[in-house]
C-alpha cells in the first residue's frame, strides 16, 4: 500500500504559476501535477544515464572485439 508523504519545496513564481495553470487546465491537484513532473524528470534522467552507459559499453565492446580480432589474426598467421 502506498502512503503519501508531505514535502516542502521552494520554487520561483513563474514555475508556480505554470503549475497552477496546468492544475486548472487538466483538473488536477497541484501536488498531482508536481508528482507527475517529478516522475517524468526521474524517468528521463534514468533513461539518459542508461543511454550513456550503453554507449560506453558499446565502445568497450568494440575495443575488445578489435583486440580479439587482432589476436586471432596473429594466431592464424
Protein backbone atom coordinates (compact mmCIF):
# COMPACT_ATOMS: atom_id res chain seq x y z
CA UNK A 1 0.00 0.00 0.00
CA UNK A 2 1.37 3.37 -0.99
CA UNK A 3 1.38 6.14 1.53
CA UNK A 4 1.85 9.75 0.66
CA UNK A 5 4.36 11.97 2.38
CA UNK A 6 4.28 15.73 2.56
CA UNK A 7 7.33 17.70 1.45
CA UNK A 8 8.14 21.35 1.14
CA UNK A 9 9.84 22.75 -1.94
CA UNK A 10 10.85 26.26 -2.87
CA UNK A 11 10.17 27.27 -6.47
CA UNK A 12 10.12 30.51 -8.37
CA UNK A 13 6.87 32.36 -9.09
CA UNK A 14 6.98 31.55 -12.80
CA UNK A 15 7.10 27.82 -12.11
CA UNK A 16 4.34 28.07 -9.51
CA UNK A 17 2.18 29.97 -11.99
CA UNK A 18 2.76 27.29 -14.62
CA UNK A 19 1.83 24.57 -12.11
CA UNK A 20 -1.33 26.42 -11.14
CA UNK A 21 -2.32 26.85 -14.80
CA UNK A 22 -1.66 23.17 -15.54
CA UNK A 23 -3.60 22.21 -12.44
CA UNK A 24 -6.65 24.11 -13.66
CA UNK A 25 -6.27 23.09 -17.30
CA UNK A 26 -6.02 19.37 -16.51
CA UNK A 27 -8.31 19.44 -13.48
CA UNK A 28 -5.58 18.06 -11.23
CA UNK A 29 -4.36 18.98 -7.79
CA UNK A 30 -1.11 20.96 -7.78
CA UNK A 31 0.51 18.16 -5.80
CA UNK A 32 -0.51 15.68 -8.51
CA UNK A 33 0.98 17.92 -11.22
CA UNK A 34 4.20 18.18 -9.21
CA UNK A 35 4.28 14.42 -8.58
CA UNK A 36 3.92 13.66 -12.29
CA UNK A 37 6.63 16.20 -13.09
CA UNK A 38 8.97 14.56 -10.58
CA UNK A 39 8.25 11.10 -12.01
CA UNK A 40 8.82 12.34 -15.57
CA UNK A 41 12.10 14.00 -14.58
CA UNK A 42 13.34 10.89 -12.77
CA UNK A 43 12.40 8.67 -15.71
CA UNK A 44 14.12 10.99 -18.18
CA UNK A 45 17.30 11.18 -16.10
CA UNK A 46 17.34 7.39 -15.66
CA UNK A 47 16.93 6.88 -19.42
CA UNK A 48 19.70 9.39 -20.16
CA UNK A 49 22.00 7.66 -17.70
CA UNK A 50 21.23 4.25 -19.20
CA UNK A 51 21.85 5.56 -22.71
CA UNK A 52 25.26 6.91 -21.65
CA UNK A 53 26.03 3.54 -20.09
CA UNK A 54 25.05 1.66 -23.24
CA UNK A 55 27.20 3.96 -25.37
CA UNK A 56 30.16 3.38 -23.05
CA UNK A 57 29.56 -0.38 -23.11
CA UNK A 58 29.41 -0.31 -26.90
CA UNK A 59 32.77 1.47 -27.04
CA UNK A 60 34.30 -1.06 -24.66
CA UNK A 61 32.77 -3.98 -26.61
CA UNK A 62 34.15 -2.61 -29.86
CA UNK A 63 37.62 -2.17 -28.38
CA UNK A 64 37.55 -5.71 -27.01
CA UNK A 65 36.33 -7.07 -30.36
CA UNK A 66 39.13 -5.28 -32.20
CA UNK A 67 41.71 -6.57 -29.72
CA UNK A 68 40.35 -10.11 -30.00
CA UNK A 69 40.29 -9.88 -33.79
CA UNK A 70 43.93 -8.80 -33.88
CA UNK A 71 44.89 -11.63 -31.52
CA UNK A 72 43.05 -14.16 -33.69
CA UNK A 73 44.84 -12.86 -36.79
CA UNK A 74 48.20 -13.35 -35.09
CA UNK A 75 47.29 -16.90 -34.02
CA UNK A 76 46.11 -17.80 -37.52
CA UNK A 77 49.16 -16.31 -39.25
